Amino acid sequence: MQAAVYREQGLMEVEERPVPEVGANDVLLEVSHCGVCGSDVHFVTEGWGRPGAVEGHEWSGRVVAVGDQVKQWQVGDAAVGGPSPRCGECEHCRSGRPSLCVTRNTPGMAVHSDGAFAEYILTDEVSLRRVPDGMPLRVAALAEPLAVALHGITRSGLQAGQRLLVTGGGPIGTLSVAAARARGVTDVVLSEPHPKRRALAERLGARTVLPDELVSPPTPGDVVDEPFDVALECSGNAKAMESALGQLKRGGTLVIVGAGIHRPRFDNNRILLNELVITGAFVYDADGFERSLELLADPRFPSDVLIEPDDAPLSDILNVIERLHEGDLAAKVMIVPHQGSS
């Protein structure tokens, strides 16, 4: 099979690799579509990747082979890659927060299994989620990043009628806008420097501003004239994290959704005097994929707006990553390892 392999910073190459062998509890799928994640961009442009690795975790496909012990899946079934198994027994799993499971592996840092920037992917049957009847596999591939956006909203406690600030207009930022709007949140502002990303957010119903327009009050006890109940920081940019904190109302919540290397410097007195909450959102809610697929199945959800109109083959993946890094592409880009998939 063909697979896009990370070599070193700024370099990926497509090579021939053996189709994975199917074990007793394994499911082999032909990859239909795989979205390019922000982490994939970091892996390549900033050198986070592991040489020889095949990335790609936002995928959809069809089952082509199953192991002898597999009970839930049959050849021809449509599925998306779901969350990796958790222990189900630790305090976090029992309290409905499997993203904090004590046995979890941190993505990109622990034992690596090849991802879906390839024609086929092998996984276990419990790490799959069934695609609803009639849903295009191209749309279903949004399930993973949408589950990430939904988890950020869960962690924020955002409710209809509140004001929301989203910093960073990449795919997670725009998915957060769309998900919040679907929940009845109408007052949404997105901060983003790239004009194409701002234009996309406006199509989704957000008002947009440039990052420089978000100015914090001069003293820590003051708040801006039109403060926000919630800020979702989706860029991973340290300055954006600091700026978002300064836009909150008293008692407001900042959720760190985007990962970044550079650490912010938060004003401890602003946090203290205004009793602000800062929290993180790591991967998914316990039912995140189920709710994500349910939302994608809703004809009112703007899936078509959230995906770039043109898909790309494996051979074009490095160009896609570079264009995403530069902000030339605003929406989610789908890689199609098998041309002609649907």
Protein backbone atom coordinates (compact mmCIF):
# COMPACT_ATOMS: atom_id res chain seq x y z
CA MET A 1 0.00 0.00 0.00
CA GLN A 2 0.95 3.68 -0.37
CA ALA A 3 1.66 5.66 2.81
CA ALA A 4 2.86 9.20 3.52
CA VAL A 5 5.87 8.88 5.84
CA TYR A 6 7.41 11.62 7.99
CA ARG A 7 11.17 11.84 7.43
CA GLU A 8 12.37 14.97 9.15
CA GLN A 9 11.31 18.56 9.75
CA GLY A 10 9.69 19.83 6.57
CA LEU A 11 9.88 16.51 4.72
CA MET A 12 7.31 13.79 4.03
CA GLU A 13 7.54 11.14 1.33
CA VAL A 14 5.07 8.63 -0.09
CA GLU A 15 6.42 5.08 -0.06
CA GLU A 16 5.25 1.51 -0.50
CA ARG A 17 4.56 -0.37 2.75
CA PRO A 18 3.07 -3.80 3.41
CA VAL A 19 -0.64 -3.91 4.10
CA PRO A 20 -0.91 -4.67 7.85
CA GLU A 21 -1.58 -8.27 8.80
CA VAL A 22 -4.92 -8.88 10.54
CA GLY A 23 -4.79 -10.48 13.97
CA ALA A 24 -7.61 -12.26 15.77
CA ASN A 25 -9.04 -9.08 17.31
CA ASP A 26 -8.11 -6.66 14.52
CA VAL A 27 -10.10 -4.80 11.90
CA LEU A 28 -8.51 -3.69 8.61
CA LEU A 29 -10.10 -0.74 6.86
CA GLU A 30 -9.55 0.94 3.53
CA VAL A 31 -9.12 4.63 4.33
CA SER A 32 -11.64 6.83 2.53
CA HIS A 33 -10.72 10.28 3.89
CA CYS A 34 -8.28 11.56 6.51
CA GLY A 35 -8.29 15.15 7.71
CA VAL A 36 -5.08 17.07 8.31
CA CYS A 37 -4.96 18.03 12.00
CA GLY A 38 -3.15 20.98 13.53
CA SER A 39 -0.91 18.48 15.31
CA ASP A 40 0.03 17.03 11.91
CA VAL A 41 1.09 20.51 10.82
CA HIS A 42 3.20 20.89 13.98
CA PHE A 43 4.74 17.45 13.47
CA VAL A 44 6.01 18.41 10.03
CA THR A 45 6.70 22.15 10.13
CA GLU A 46 8.19 22.23 13.64
CA GLY A 47 9.82 18.80 13.65
CA TRP A 48 7.67 17.19 16.37
CA GLY A 49 7.25 14.02 14.32
CA ARG A 50 8.99 10.67 14.73
CA PRO A 51 11.03 9.73 11.66
CA GLY A 52 9.43 6.80 9.86
CA ALA A 53 5.97 7.45 11.32
CA VAL A 54 2.70 7.53 9.41
CA GLU A 55 0.40 10.11 11.01
CA GLY A 56 -3.29 10.85 10.48
CA HIS A 57 -6.01 10.27 13.09
CA GLU A 58 -9.09 12.06 11.67
CA TRP A 59 -10.26 9.35 9.34
CA SER A 60 -13.16 7.41 7.88
CA GLY A 61 -13.14 4.17 5.93
CA ARG A 62 -14.72 0.81 5.13
CA VAL A 63 -13.94 -2.55 6.67
CA VAL A 64 -12.13 -4.90 4.26
CA ALA A 65 -11.08 -7.68 6.67
CA VAL A 66 -11.76 -8.76 10.27
CA GLY A 67 -10.03 -11.13 12.68
CA ASP A 68 -11.53 -14.41 13.81
CA GLN A 69 -12.53 -13.01 17.22
CA VAL A 70 -14.14 -9.79 15.95
CA LYS A 71 -17.89 -9.71 16.69
CA GLN A 72 -19.03 -6.14 16.03
CA TRP A 73 -17.81 -5.49 12.48
CA GLN A 74 -18.26 -7.02 9.05
CA VAL A 75 -16.65 -6.42 5.66
CA GLY A 76 -18.27 -3.37 4.05
CA ASP A 77 -19.16 -1.54 7.27
CA ALA A 78 -18.45 2.19 7.31
CA ALA A 79 -16.57 3.46 10.37
CA VAL A 80 -14.49 6.26 11.80
CA GLY A 81 -11.51 5.96 14.06
CA GLY A 82 -12.63 6.59 17.63
CA PRO A 83 -10.92 7.01 21.00
CA SER A 84 -8.29 4.53 22.06
CA PRO A 85 -9.40 2.09 24.79
CA ARG A 86 -9.32 3.26 28.41
CA CYS A 87 -9.09 1.12 31.51
CA GLY A 88 -12.66 1.82 32.67
CA GLU A 89 -11.64 1.27 36.29
CA CYS A 90 -9.62 4.28 37.49
CA GLU A 91 -11.28 7.20 39.30
CA HIS A 92 -11.38 9.29 36.12
CA CYS A 93 -13.01 6.61 33.98
CA ARG A 94 -15.56 5.91 36.70
CA SER A 95 -16.42 9.62 36.95
CA GLY A 96 -17.04 9.92 33.19
CA ARG A 97 -13.75 11.60 32.27
CA PRO A 98 -11.87 8.97 30.25
CA SER A 99 -9.58 11.61 28.74
CA LEU A 100 -7.78 11.62 32.12
CA CYS A 101 -7.44 7.83 32.38
CA VAL A 102 -4.31 6.90 34.31
CA THR A 103 -3.36 4.38 31.60
CA ARG A 104 -3.71 6.74 28.65
CA ASN A 105 -0.95 7.30 26.13
CA THR A 106 -0.09 10.87 25.22
CA PRO A 107 -0.47 11.23 21.42
CA GLY A 108 2.85 11.35 19.63
CA MET A 109 4.85 10.63 22.78
CA ALA A 110 4.25 6.97 23.52
CA VAL A 111 4.12 3.72 21.53
CA HIS A 112 3.14 4.70 18.02
CA SER A 113 0.84 2.80 15.68
CA ASP A 114 0.64 3.93 12.08
CA GLY A 115 -2.13 6.36 11.22
CA ALA A 116 -4.41 6.93 8.25
CA PHE A 117 -2.24 8.86 5.82
CA ALA A 118 -2.16 5.51 4.05
CA GLU A 119 -4.42 3.36 1.90
CA TYR A 120 -5.22 0.96 4.76
CA ILE A 121 -5.27 1.18 8.55
CA LEU A 122 -5.38 -1.56 11.18
CA THR A 123 -7.13 -1.07 14.50
CA ASP A 124 -8.99 -2.98 17.20
CA GLU A 125 -12.75 -3.29 17.05
CA VAL A 126 -13.47 -1.23 20.19
CA SER A 127 -11.63 1.81 18.75
CA LEU A 128 -14.14 2.22 15.92
CA ARG A 129 -17.42 4.06 15.72
CA ARG A 130 -20.15 3.24 13.20
CA VAL A 131 -21.00 5.84 10.56
CA PRO A 132 -24.76 6.61 10.42
CA ASP A 133 -26.57 5.36 7.32
CA GLY A 134 -26.46 7.85 4.49
CA MET A 135 -23.61 9.97 5.89
CA PRO A 136 -20.86 10.56 3.31
CA LEU A 137 -17.51 9.26 4.51
CA ARG A 138 -16.03 12.66 3.65
CA VAL A 139 -18.29 14.26 6.26
CA ALA A 140 -17.79 11.43 8.76
CA ALA A 141 -14.05 12.18 8.83
CA LEU A 142 -14.92 15.38 10.73
CA ALA A 143 -16.05 13.29 13.70
CA GLU A 144 -12.71 13.32 15.56
CA PRO A 145 -11.95 17.08 15.39
CA LEU A 146 -15.58 17.91 16.12
CA ALA A 147 -15.39 15.67 19.21
CA VAL A 148 -12.37 17.73 20.31
CA ALA A 149 -14.33 20.96 19.85
CA LEU A 150 -17.30 19.57 21.77
CA HIS A 151 -15.05 18.60 24.68
CA GLY A 152 -13.76 22.17 24.91
CA ILE A 153 -17.33 23.42 25.10
CA THR A 154 -18.17 20.83 27.76
CA ARG A 155 -15.21 21.93 29.88
CA SER A 156 -16.29 25.58 29.56
CA GLY A 157 -19.87 25.07 30.74
CA LEU A 158 -20.99 27.35 27.89
CA GLN A 159 -24.75 27.94 27.73
CA ALA A 160 -27.11 29.58 25.25
CA GLY A 161 -27.34 33.31 25.94
CA GLN A 162 -23.71 33.66 26.97
CA ARG A 163 -20.92 35.46 25.11
CA LEU A 164 -18.16 33.33 23.58
CA LEU A 165 -14.70 34.32 22.41
CA VAL A 166 -12.73 31.89 20.24
CA THR A 167 -9.07 32.66 19.65
CA GLY A 168 -7.62 30.91 16.60
CA GLY A 169 -9.56 30.30 13.41
CA GLY A 170 -8.07 26.97 12.39
CA PRO A 171 -10.27 23.88 12.03
CA ILE A 172 -10.81 23.39 15.79
CA GLY A 173 -11.65 27.06 16.21
CA THR A 174 -14.18 27.06 13.39
CA LEU A 175 -15.65 23.73 14.50
CA SER A 176 -16.05 25.27 17.96
CA VAL A 177 -17.91 28.20 16.43
CA ALA A 178 -20.20 25.86 14.49
CA ALA A 179 -20.82 23.61 17.51
CA ALA A 180 -21.55 26.56 19.78
CA ARG A 181 -23.99 28.03 17.26
CA ALA A 182 -25.69 24.63 17.03
CA ARG A 183 -26.17 24.80 20.80
CA GLY A 184 -27.95 28.13 20.56
CA VAL A 185 -25.00 30.42 21.38
CA THR A 186 -25.53 33.40 19.10
CA ASP A 187 -23.00 35.93 20.42
CA VAL A 188 -19.70 34.51 19.14
CA VAL A 189 -16.53 36.44 18.36
CA LEU A 190 -13.48 34.85 16.72
CA SER A 191 -10.00 36.37 16.83
CA GLU A 192 -7.74 35.45 13.91
CA PRO A 193 -5.02 37.21 11.87
CA HIS A 194 -5.61 35.40 8.54
CA PRO A 195 -8.35 36.92 6.34
CA LYS A 196 -9.46 33.59 4.80
CA ARG A 197 -10.03 32.11 8.24
CA ARG A 198 -11.92 35.19 9.38
CA ALA A 199 -14.12 34.96 6.29
CA LEU A 200 -14.91 31.30 7.05
CA ALA A 201 -15.85 32.12 10.65
CA GLU A 202 -18.15 34.88 9.43
CA ARG A 203 -19.90 32.38 7.12
CA LEU A 204 -20.49 30.28 10.24
CA GLY A 205 -22.15 33.18 12.04
CA ALA A 206 -19.31 34.63 14.13
CA ARG A 207 -18.17 38.21 14.31
CA THR A 208 -14.41 38.45 13.76
CA VAL A 209 -11.64 40.66 15.06
CA LEU A 210 -7.90 40.91 14.63
CA PRO A 211 -5.83 39.73 17.62
CA ASP A 212 -4.52 43.25 18.20
CA GLU A 213 -8.06 44.44 18.82
CA LEU A 214 -8.25 42.37 22.02
CA VAL A 215 -6.69 44.75 24.52
CA SER A 216 -6.65 43.83 28.22
CA PRO A 217 -7.64 46.43 30.84
CA PRO A 218 -4.69 48.34 32.31
CA THR A 219 -5.31 47.14 35.86
CA PRO A 220 -6.03 43.54 36.88
CA GLY A 221 -9.25 44.27 38.74
CA ASP A 222 -10.94 45.90 35.75
CA VAL A 223 -12.79 44.17 32.90
CA VAL A 224 -13.33 45.17 29.29
CA ASP A 225 -16.52 46.99 28.25
CA GLU A 226 -18.10 43.91 26.66
CA PRO A 227 -16.57 40.95 28.50
CA PHE A 228 -17.04 37.30 27.58
CA ASP A 229 -18.43 34.51 29.72
CA VAL A 230 -16.16 31.95 28.05
CA ALA A 231 -13.00 32.00 25.97
CA LEU A 232 -11.90 28.94 23.99
CA GLU A 233 -8.22 29.25 23.08
CA CYS A 234 -7.76 27.11 19.96
CA SER A 235 -4.52 28.43 18.45
CA GLY A 236 -1.88 27.21 20.92
CA ASN A 237 -0.36 30.69 20.77
CA ALA A 238 0.90 31.97 24.13
CA LYS A 239 -0.01 35.61 23.38
CA ALA A 240 -3.53 34.53 22.44
CA MET A 241 -3.88 32.69 25.75
CA GLU A 242 -2.80 35.81 27.65
CA SER A 243 -5.08 38.04 25.61
CA ALA A 244 -8.10 35.76 26.03
CA LEU A 245 -7.74 35.89 29.80
CA GLY A 246 -8.04 39.67 29.68
CA GLN A 247 -11.37 39.53 27.82
CA LEU A 248 -13.29 37.59 30.47
CA LYS A 249 -16.01 38.84 32.77
CA ARG A 250 -15.67 38.32 36.50
CA GLY A 251 -16.11 34.63 37.14
CA GLY A 252 -15.41 33.81 33.48
CA THR A 253 -13.72 30.69 32.14
CA LEU A 254 -10.75 30.24 29.82
CA VAL A 255 -10.36 26.79 28.23
CA ILE A 256 -7.02 25.87 26.68
CA VAL A 257 -7.88 23.71 23.66
CA GLY A 258 -4.92 24.33 21.36
CA ALA A 259 -1.51 22.85 22.18
CA GLY A 260 1.57 25.04 21.94
CA ILE A 261 5.24 24.89 22.86
CA HIS A 262 5.63 28.44 24.18
CA ARG A 263 4.20 29.01 27.64
CA PRO A 264 1.95 31.98 28.47
CA ARG A 265 2.48 34.40 31.35
CA PHE A 266 -0.82 34.84 33.12
CA ASP A 267 -1.58 37.76 35.44
CA ASN A 268 -2.17 36.04 38.77
CA ASN A 269 -3.81 39.15 40.22
CA ARG A 270 -6.35 39.27 37.39
CA ILE A 271 -7.20 35.64 38.10
CA LEU A 272 -7.46 36.28 41.85
CA LEU A 273 -9.41 39.54 41.81
CA ASN A 274 -11.92 38.33 39.21
CA GLU A 275 -12.10 34.69 40.34
CA LEU A 276 -11.36 33.47 36.83
CA VAL A 277 -11.23 29.80 35.93
CA ILE A 278 -8.51 28.41 33.66
CA THR A 279 -8.79 24.81 32.56
CA GLY A 280 -7.69 22.50 29.76
CA ALA A 281 -9.57 20.31 27.30
CA PHE A 282 -7.74 17.13 26.32
CA VAL A 283 -9.31 15.02 23.55
CA TYR A 284 -12.93 13.93 24.07
CA ASP A 285 -15.98 13.58 26.29
CA ALA A 286 -16.94 10.01 27.18
CA ASP A 287 -19.68 10.15 24.52
CA GLY A 288 -17.86 12.64 22.31
CA PHE A 289 -17.83 10.63 19.09
CA GLU A 290 -21.47 9.65 19.42
CA ARG A 291 -22.52 13.28 19.88
CA SER A 292 -20.18 14.38 17.11
CA LEU A 293 -21.66 11.94 14.60
CA GLU A 294 -25.17 12.88 15.71
CA LEU A 295 -24.40 16.55 15.04
CA LEU A 296 -22.82 15.79 11.66
CA ALA A 297 -25.98 13.89 10.71
CA ASP A 298 -28.07 17.02 11.31
CA PRO A 299 -28.72 18.63 7.89
CA ARG A 300 -28.57 22.07 9.51
CA PHE A 301 -24.93 21.59 10.57
CA PRO A 302 -22.64 23.35 8.03
CA SER A 303 -20.36 20.42 7.23
CA ASP A 304 -19.88 21.59 3.65
CA VAL A 305 -18.56 24.96 4.83
CA LEU A 306 -16.12 23.35 7.27
CA ILE A 307 -14.35 21.22 4.63
CA GLU A 308 -12.27 22.60 1.77
CA PRO A 309 -14.04 21.92 -1.57
CA ASP A 310 -11.07 20.07 -3.05
CA ASP A 311 -9.63 16.88 -1.54
CA ALA A 312 -5.96 16.03 -1.99
CA PRO A 313 -4.07 12.81 -2.80
CA LEU A 314 -1.28 11.44 -0.62
CA SER A 315 1.28 12.83 -3.04
CA ASP A 316 0.13 16.38 -2.27
CA ILE A 317 0.11 16.12 1.52
CA LEU A 318 3.28 18.15 2.14
CA ASN A 319 1.97 21.00 0.00
CA VAL A 320 -1.33 20.90 1.92
CA ILE A 321 0.45 21.07 5.27
CA GLU A 322 2.54 24.03 4.15
CA ARG A 323 -0.55 25.88 2.89
CA LEU A 324 -2.38 25.20 6.15
CA HIS A 325 0.63 26.47 8.09
CA GLU A 326 0.63 29.70 6.08
CA GLY A 327 -3.13 30.19 6.44
CA ASP A 328 -3.73 29.87 2.71
CA LEU A 329 -6.30 27.12 3.40
CA ALA A 330 -8.98 27.97 5.95
CA ALA A 331 -11.17 24.89 6.30
CA LYS A 332 -10.43 21.22 6.98
CA VAL A 333 -8.51 19.52 4.17
CA MET A 334 -9.26 15.88 3.44
CA ILE A 335 -6.55 13.55 2.16
CA VAL A 336 -7.89 10.76 -0.07
CA PRO A 337 -5.38 7.86 -0.19
CA HIS A 338 -7.60 5.92 -2.62
CA GLN A 339 -8.71 8.20 -5.42
CA GLY A 340 -12.39 7.65 -6.18
CA SER A 341 -13.45 6.95 -2.54
CA SER A 342 -16.85 8.31 -1.53
